[in-house]
């Protein structure tokens, strides 16, 4: 099913607006699904790290769509946040700077969603060295739920990072029979050692936490 179809399953049929749409970075597997969302829904605000260097026709089309649909664009970095009256908060933890280089994963947007006593950490494709730098900033990363970094790549989800996050539930987003071999057995073993309950879209399909 497409991204739009999945969203339609979760939103009321009359819902035509998405308040905030976040692009973690400009790799194709992270932005292509957003194109149909911008075509289908009224997007109030688009958050990204400011990197528009990807010259692929699809990515440039997405940028044009945002302009044509007059979507407000916000370049975000560590320290930016959203707070709702309901008590829900979204904090941007990474990147520290809005000066991306050719290593797009290094500057992907990491966010932490918290509500009540619960929280979820979304680590995009952040590699191990950048996980370490994130920990050095002293920001709160401990979270009940971890969206596992880089689809379960062996170069993310380091033991030190997992100890700091201390997740109870780990969610891996990876395609069936993907050519990268995600999730990597070494990464899965680290997640198991961390004691989290692991769920993978590759075997479980869409993941919904109730």
C-alpha atoms as a PDB file:
ATOM      1  CA  UNK A   1       0.000   0.000   0.000  1.00  0.00           C
ATOM      2  CA  UNK A   2       1.158   3.558  -0.684  1.00  0.00           C
ATOM      3  CA  UNK A   3       1.974   6.136   1.979  1.00  0.00           C
ATOM      4  CA  UNK A   4      -1.259   7.973   1.180  1.00  0.00           C
ATOM      5  CA  UNK A   5      -3.298   4.791   1.587  1.00  0.00           C
ATOM      6  CA  UNK A   6      -1.671   4.133   4.946  1.00  0.00           C
ATOM      7  CA  UNK A   7      -2.358   7.678   6.125  1.00  0.00           C
ATOM      8  CA  UNK A   8      -5.963   7.454   4.954  1.00  0.00           C
ATOM      9  CA  UNK A   9      -6.411   4.359   7.112  1.00  0.00           C
ATOM     10  CA  UNK A  10      -5.419   6.375  10.172  1.00  0.00           C
ATOM     11  CA  UNK A  11      -7.066   9.750   9.515  1.00  0.00           C
ATOM     12  CA  UNK A  12     -10.813  10.472   9.265  1.00  0.00           C
ATOM     13  CA  UNK A  13     -12.034  10.558   5.661  1.00  0.00           C
ATOM     14  CA  UNK A  14     -12.742  14.297   5.940  1.00  0.00           C
ATOM     15  CA  UNK A  15      -9.254  15.181   7.202  1.00  0.00           C
ATOM     16  CA  UNK A  16      -7.544  17.125   4.426  1.00  0.00           C
ATOM     17  CA  UNK A  17      -4.717  18.808   6.318  1.00  0.00           C
ATOM     18  CA  UNK A  18      -1.450  17.590   7.815  1.00  0.00           C
ATOM     19  CA  UNK A  19      -0.041  20.186  10.175  1.00  0.00           C
ATOM     20  CA  UNK A  20       3.620  19.174  10.148  1.00  0.00           C
ATOM     21  CA  UNK A  21       5.473  17.030   7.621  1.00  0.00           C
ATOM     22  CA  UNK A  22       9.087  16.167   8.500  1.00  0.00           C
ATOM     23  CA  UNK A  23      11.723  15.083   6.008  1.00  0.00           C
ATOM     24  CA  UNK A  24      14.711  13.616   7.845  1.00  0.00           C
ATOM     25  CA  UNK A  25      17.083  13.957   4.867  1.00  0.00           C
ATOM     26  CA  UNK A  26      17.079  13.846   1.087  1.00  0.00           C
ATOM     27  CA  UNK A  27      17.778  10.167   0.427  1.00  0.00           C
ATOM     28  CA  UNK A  28      15.223   8.711  -1.990  1.00  0.00           C
ATOM     29  CA  UNK A  29      13.811   6.161   0.442  1.00  0.00           C
ATOM     30  CA  UNK A  30      12.923   9.015   2.801  1.00  0.00           C
ATOM     31  CA  UNK A  31      11.407  11.608   0.484  1.00  0.00           C
ATOM     32  CA  UNK A  32       9.642   9.796  -2.379  1.00  0.00           C
ATOM     33  CA  UNK A  33       6.622   8.874  -0.266  1.00  0.00           C
ATOM     34  CA  UNK A  34       6.169  12.516   0.719  1.00  0.00           C
ATOM     35  CA  UNK A  35       5.472  13.605  -2.859  1.00  0.00           C
ATOM     36  CA  UNK A  36       1.998  12.056  -2.922  1.00  0.00           C
ATOM     37  CA  UNK A  37       1.249  13.476   0.523  1.00  0.00           C
ATOM     38  CA  UNK A  38       2.005  17.000  -0.670  1.00  0.00           C
ATOM     39  CA  UNK A  39      -0.136  16.362  -3.762  1.00  0.00           C
ATOM     40  CA  UNK A  40      -3.035  14.954  -1.728  1.00  0.00           C
ATOM     41  CA  UNK A  41      -3.094  16.948   1.517  1.00  0.00           C
ATOM     42  CA  UNK A  42      -2.811  20.564   2.562  1.00  0.00           C
ATOM     43  CA  UNK A  43       0.491  20.696   4.441  1.00  0.00           C
ATOM     44  CA  UNK A  44       0.718  23.467   7.007  1.00  0.00           C
ATOM     45  CA  UNK A  45       4.472  23.320   7.589  1.00  0.00           C
ATOM     46  CA  UNK A  46       7.357  21.304   6.136  1.00  0.00           C
ATOM     47  CA  UNK A  47      10.359  20.645   8.412  1.00  0.00           C
ATOM     48  CA  UNK A  48      13.760  19.579   7.058  1.00  0.00           C
ATOM     49  CA  UNK A  49      17.479  20.157   7.611  1.00  0.00           C
ATOM     50  CA  UNK A  50      17.819  22.684   4.804  1.00  0.00           C
ATOM     51  CA  UNK A  51      19.744  20.418   2.430  1.00  0.00           C
ATOM     52  CA  UNK A  52      18.438  20.932  -1.118  1.00  0.00           C
ATOM     53  CA  UNK A  53      21.576  19.685  -2.892  1.00  0.00           C
ATOM     54  CA  UNK A  54      20.004  16.488  -4.227  1.00  0.00           C
ATOM     55  CA  UNK A  55      19.550  17.177  -7.940  1.00  0.00           C
ATOM     56  CA  UNK A  56      17.441  14.126  -8.722  1.00  0.00           C
ATOM     57  CA  UNK A  57      14.302  15.019 -10.733  1.00  0.00           C
ATOM     58  CA  UNK A  58      12.011  13.560  -8.061  1.00  0.00           C
ATOM     59  CA  UNK A  59      13.520  15.555  -5.213  1.00  0.00           C
ATOM     60  CA  UNK A  60      13.508  18.760  -7.216  1.00  0.00           C
ATOM     61  CA  UNK A  61       9.862  18.044  -8.081  1.00  0.00           C
ATOM     62  CA  UNK A  62       9.082  17.767  -4.350  1.00  0.00           C
ATOM     63  CA  UNK A  63      10.694  21.160  -3.735  1.00  0.00           C
ATOM     64  CA  UNK A  64       8.665  22.694  -6.566  1.00  0.00           C
ATOM     65  CA  UNK A  65       5.473  21.143  -5.206  1.00  0.00           C
ATOM     66  CA  UNK A  66       6.078  22.709  -1.815  1.00  0.00           C
ATOM     67  CA  UNK A  67       6.432  26.107  -3.436  1.00  0.00           C
ATOM     68  CA  UNK A  68       3.443  25.668  -5.731  1.00  0.00           C
ATOM     69  CA  UNK A  69       1.242  24.603  -2.809  1.00  0.00           C
ATOM     70  CA  UNK A  70       2.622  27.496  -0.735  1.00  0.00           C
ATOM     71  CA  UNK A  71       3.756  25.211   2.073  1.00  0.00           C
ATOM     72  CA  UNK A  72       5.689  27.017   4.808  1.00  0.00           C
ATOM     73  CA  UNK A  73       9.197  25.578   5.069  1.00  0.00           C
ATOM     74  CA  UNK A  74      11.178  25.496   8.300  1.00  0.00           C
ATOM     75  CA  UNK A  75      14.851  24.538   8.460  1.00  0.00           C
ATOM     76  CA  UNK A  76      15.259  22.846  11.818  1.00  0.00           C
ATOM     77  CA  UNK A  77      18.135  21.897  14.074  1.00  0.00           C
ATOM     78  CA  UNK A  78      18.789  20.920  17.672  1.00  0.00           C
ATOM     79  CA  UNK A  79      16.715  23.067  20.011  1.00  0.00           C
ATOM     80  CA  UNK A  80      13.646  23.465  17.814  1.00  0.00           C
ATOM     81  CA  UNK A  81      10.446  22.056  19.273  1.00  0.00           C
ATOM     82  CA  UNK A  82       6.673  21.876  19.149  1.00  0.00           C
ATOM     83  CA  UNK A  83       4.389  21.848  22.175  1.00  0.00           C
ATOM     84  CA  UNK A  84       0.665  21.158  22.200  1.00  0.00           C
ATOM     85  CA  UNK A  85      -1.882  22.050  24.892  1.00  0.00           C
ATOM     86  CA  UNK A  86      -2.536  18.331  25.336  1.00  0.00           C
ATOM     87  CA  UNK A  87       0.950  17.980  26.834  1.00  0.00           C
ATOM     88  CA  UNK A  88       2.522  16.376  23.772  1.00  0.00           C
ATOM     89  CA  UNK A  89       5.957  17.697  22.801  1.00  0.00           C
ATOM     90  CA  UNK A  90       8.239  17.130  19.828  1.00  0.00           C
ATOM     91  CA  UNK A  91      11.886  18.081  20.250  1.00  0.00           C
ATOM     92  CA  UNK A  92      14.503  18.200  17.497  1.00  0.00           C
ATOM     93  CA  UNK A  93      17.763  16.726  18.845  1.00  0.00           C
ATOM     94  CA  UNK A  94      19.872  16.664  15.667  1.00  0.00           C
ATOM     95  CA  UNK A  95      21.499  18.108  13.555  1.00  0.00           C
ATOM     96  CA  UNK A  96      23.437  20.676  15.559  1.00  0.00           C
ATOM     97  CA  UNK A  97      24.122  22.753  12.471  1.00  0.00           C
ATOM     98  CA  UNK A  98      22.301  23.539   9.236  1.00  0.00           C
ATOM     99  CA  UNK A  99      25.393  23.062   7.104  1.00  0.00           C
ATOM    100  CA  UNK A 100      24.941  19.557   5.646  1.00  0.00           C
ATOM    101  CA  UNK A 101      27.719  17.977   3.617  1.00  0.00           C
ATOM    102  CA  UNK A 102      27.688  15.127   1.130  1.00  0.00           C
ATOM    103  CA  UNK A 103      27.182  12.578   3.937  1.00  0.00           C
ATOM    104  CA  UNK A 104      23.423  13.114   4.201  1.00  0.00           C
ATOM    105  CA  UNK A 105      22.922  10.572   6.976  1.00  0.00           C
ATOM    106  CA  UNK A 106      25.215  12.540   9.291  1.00  0.00           C
ATOM    107  CA  UNK A 107      22.808  15.480   9.279  1.00  0.00           C
ATOM    108  CA  UNK A 108      19.449  13.736   9.279  1.00  0.00           C
ATOM    109  CA  UNK A 109      16.737  15.099  11.558  1.00  0.00           C
ATOM    110  CA  UNK A 110      16.414  13.226  14.864  1.00  0.00           C
ATOM    111  CA  UNK A 111      13.282  13.916  16.916  1.00  0.00           C
ATOM    112  CA  UNK A 112      11.935  12.858  20.306  1.00  0.00           C
ATOM    113  CA  UNK A 113       8.177  12.744  20.874  1.00  0.00           C
ATOM    114  CA  UNK A 114       6.960  12.766  24.479  1.00  0.00           C
ATOM    115  CA  UNK A 115       3.539  12.596  26.074  1.00  0.00           C
ATOM    116  CA  UNK A 116       2.842  12.098  29.762  1.00  0.00           C
ATOM    117  CA  UNK A 117       5.433   9.686  31.080  1.00  0.00           C
ATOM    118  CA  UNK A 118       6.061   8.071  27.686  1.00  0.00           C
ATOM    119  CA  UNK A 119       8.370   8.948  24.827  1.00  0.00           C
ATOM    120  CA  UNK A 120       9.593   7.828  21.402  1.00  0.00           C
ATOM    121  CA  UNK A 121      12.909   8.538  19.690  1.00  0.00           C
ATOM    122  CA  UNK A 122      13.118   8.704  15.891  1.00  0.00           C
ATOM    123  CA  UNK A 123      16.739   8.366  14.808  1.00  0.00           C
ATOM    124  CA  UNK A 124      16.446   8.560  10.984  1.00  0.00           C
ATOM    125  CA  UNK A 125      19.650   7.153   9.385  1.00  0.00           C
ATOM    126  CA  UNK A 126      22.044   8.515  12.002  1.00  0.00           C
ATOM    127  CA  UNK A 127      25.388   6.613  11.943  1.00  0.00           C
ATOM    128  CA  UNK A 128      27.228   5.456  15.050  1.00  0.00           C
ATOM    129  CA  UNK A 129      29.755   8.338  15.234  1.00  0.00           C
ATOM    130  CA  UNK A 130      26.921  10.867  15.108  1.00  0.00           C
ATOM    131  CA  UNK A 131      24.990   8.896  17.736  1.00  0.00           C
ATOM    132  CA  UNK A 132      28.015   9.422  19.992  1.00  0.00           C
ATOM    133  CA  UNK A 133      28.080  13.150  19.218  1.00  0.00           C
ATOM    134  CA  UNK A 134      24.371  13.381  19.990  1.00  0.00           C
ATOM    135  CA  UNK A 135      24.981  11.806  23.395  1.00  0.00           C
ATOM    136  CA  UNK A 136      27.747  14.332  24.048  1.00  0.00           C
ATOM    137  CA  UNK A 137      25.257  17.211  23.683  1.00  0.00           C
ATOM    138  CA  UNK A 138      23.620  16.130  26.939  1.00  0.00           C
ATOM    139  CA  UNK A 139      20.103  16.223  25.542  1.00  0.00           C
ATOM    140  CA  UNK A 140      17.535  13.776  26.855  1.00  0.00           C
ATOM    141  CA  UNK A 141      17.466  10.663  24.675  1.00  0.00           C
ATOM    142  CA  UNK A 142      16.038   8.083  27.081  1.00  0.00           C
ATOM    143  CA  UNK A 143      12.836   6.806  25.462  1.00  0.00           C
ATOM    144  CA  UNK A 144      10.366   3.965  25.833  1.00  0.00           C
ATOM    145  CA  UNK A 145      10.163   3.488  22.073  1.00  0.00           C
ATOM    146  CA  UNK A 146      13.061   3.597  19.617  1.00  0.00           C
ATOM    147  CA  UNK A 147      12.626   3.812  15.870  1.00  0.00           C
ATOM    148  CA  UNK A 148      15.844   1.955  15.126  1.00  0.00           C
ATOM    149  CA  UNK A 149      18.447   3.931  13.211  1.00  0.00           C
ATOM    150  CA  UNK A 150      19.118   3.378   9.503  1.00  0.00           C
ATOM    151  CA  UNK A 151      16.662   0.500   9.036  1.00  0.00           C
ATOM    152  CA  UNK A 152      18.714  -1.731  11.334  1.00  0.00           C
ATOM    153  CA  UNK A 153      22.100  -1.093   9.718  1.00  0.00           C
ATOM    154  CA  UNK A 154      25.103  -2.525  11.558  1.00  0.00           C
ATOM    155  CA  UNK A 155      26.615   0.978  11.542  1.00  0.00           C
ATOM    156  CA  UNK A 156      23.885   2.400  13.789  1.00  0.00           C
ATOM    157  CA  UNK A 157      22.356   1.486  17.154  1.00  0.00           C
ATOM    158  CA  UNK A 158      25.675   1.209  18.954  1.00  0.00           C
ATOM    159  CA  UNK A 159      25.762  -0.420  22.375  1.00  0.00           C
ATOM    160  CA  UNK A 160      26.549   2.911  24.081  1.00  0.00           C
ATOM    161  CA  UNK A 161      23.645   4.608  22.346  1.00  0.00           C
ATOM    162  CA  UNK A 162      21.227   1.844  23.272  1.00  0.00           C
ATOM    163  CA  UNK A 163      22.336   1.991  26.908  1.00  0.00           C
ATOM    164  CA  UNK A 164      21.609   5.722  26.953  1.00  0.00           C
ATOM    165  CA  UNK A 165      18.200   5.401  25.280  1.00  0.00           C
ATOM    166  CA  UNK A 166      17.174   2.284  27.281  1.00  0.00           C
ATOM    167  CA  UNK A 167      14.236   1.485  24.978  1.00  0.00           C
ATOM    168  CA  UNK A 168      11.500  -0.974  25.900  1.00  0.00           C
ATOM    169  CA  UNK A 169      10.233  -1.323  22.324  1.00  0.00           C
ATOM    170  CA  UNK A 170      12.393  -1.158  19.175  1.00  0.00           C
ATOM    171  CA  UNK A 171      10.793  -0.633  15.776  1.00  0.00           C
ATOM    172  CA  UNK A 172      12.709  -1.433  12.590  1.00  0.00           C
ATOM    173  CA  UNK A 173      11.565  -0.070   9.231  1.00  0.00           C
ATOM    174  CA  UNK A 174      12.989  -2.231   6.457  1.00  0.00           C
ATOM    175  CA  UNK A 175      11.658  -3.465   3.137  1.00  0.00           C
ATOM    176  CA  UNK A 176      11.126  -7.115   2.333  1.00  0.00           C
ATOM    177  CA  UNK A 177      14.142  -8.688   0.568  1.00  0.00           C
ATOM    178  CA  UNK A 178      15.894  -5.296   0.483  1.00  0.00           C
ATOM    179  CA  UNK A 179      19.273  -5.248  -1.256  1.00  0.00           C
ATOM    180  CA  UNK A 180      21.071  -3.841   1.789  1.00  0.00           C
ATOM    181  CA  UNK A 181      20.358  -6.819   4.007  1.00  0.00           C
ATOM    182  CA  UNK A 182      18.600  -4.686   6.628  1.00  0.00           C
ATOM    183  CA  UNK A 183      18.246  -5.376   9.460  1.00  0.00           C
ATOM    184  CA  UNK A 184      21.808  -6.518  10.027  1.00  0.00           C
ATOM    185  CA  UNK A 185      22.195  -9.496  12.418  1.00  0.00           C
ATOM    186  CA  UNK A 186      24.827  -7.623  14.448  1.00  0.00           C
ATOM    187  CA  UNK A 187      22.461  -4.712  15.009  1.00  0.00           C
ATOM    188  CA  UNK A 188      19.607  -7.041  15.916  1.00  0.00           C
ATOM    189  CA  UNK A 189      21.859  -8.772  18.438  1.00  0.00           C
ATOM    190  CA  UNK A 190      22.687  -5.430  20.056  1.00  0.00           C
ATOM    191  CA  UNK A 191      18.980  -4.638  20.281  1.00  0.00           C
ATOM    192  CA  UNK A 192      18.342  -8.012  21.888  1.00  0.00           C
ATOM    193  CA  UNK A 193      21.110  -7.409  24.411  1.00  0.00           C
ATOM    194  CA  UNK A 194      19.536  -4.051  25.220  1.00  0.00           C
ATOM    195  CA  UNK A 195      16.430  -5.981  26.224  1.00  0.00           C
ATOM    196  CA  UNK A 196      13.935  -4.263  23.951  1.00  0.00           C
ATOM    197  CA  UNK A 197      10.910  -5.884  22.342  1.00  0.00           C
ATOM    198  CA  UNK A 198      11.773  -5.858  18.601  1.00  0.00           C
ATOM    199  CA  UNK A 199       9.251  -5.389  15.798  1.00  0.00           C
ATOM    200  CA  UNK A 200      10.133  -5.189  12.101  1.00  0.00           C
ATOM    201  CA  UNK A 201       7.976  -3.969   9.219  1.00  0.00           C
ATOM    202  CA  UNK A 202       9.626  -6.613   7.045  1.00  0.00           C
ATOM    203  CA  UNK A 203       7.818  -9.361   8.892  1.00  0.00           C
ATOM    204  CA  UNK A 204       5.005  -7.547  10.688  1.00  0.00           C
ATOM    205  CA  UNK A 205       3.905  -5.017   8.074  1.00  0.00           C
ATOM    206  CA  UNK A 206       2.591  -1.706   9.372  1.00  0.00           C
ATOM    207  CA  UNK A 207       3.296  -1.194  13.052  1.00  0.00           C
ATOM    208  CA  UNK A 208       0.698   0.370  15.327  1.00  0.00           C
ATOM    209  CA  UNK A 209       1.278   0.908  19.039  1.00  0.00           C
ATOM    210  CA  UNK A 210      -1.830   1.053  21.191  1.00  0.00           C
END
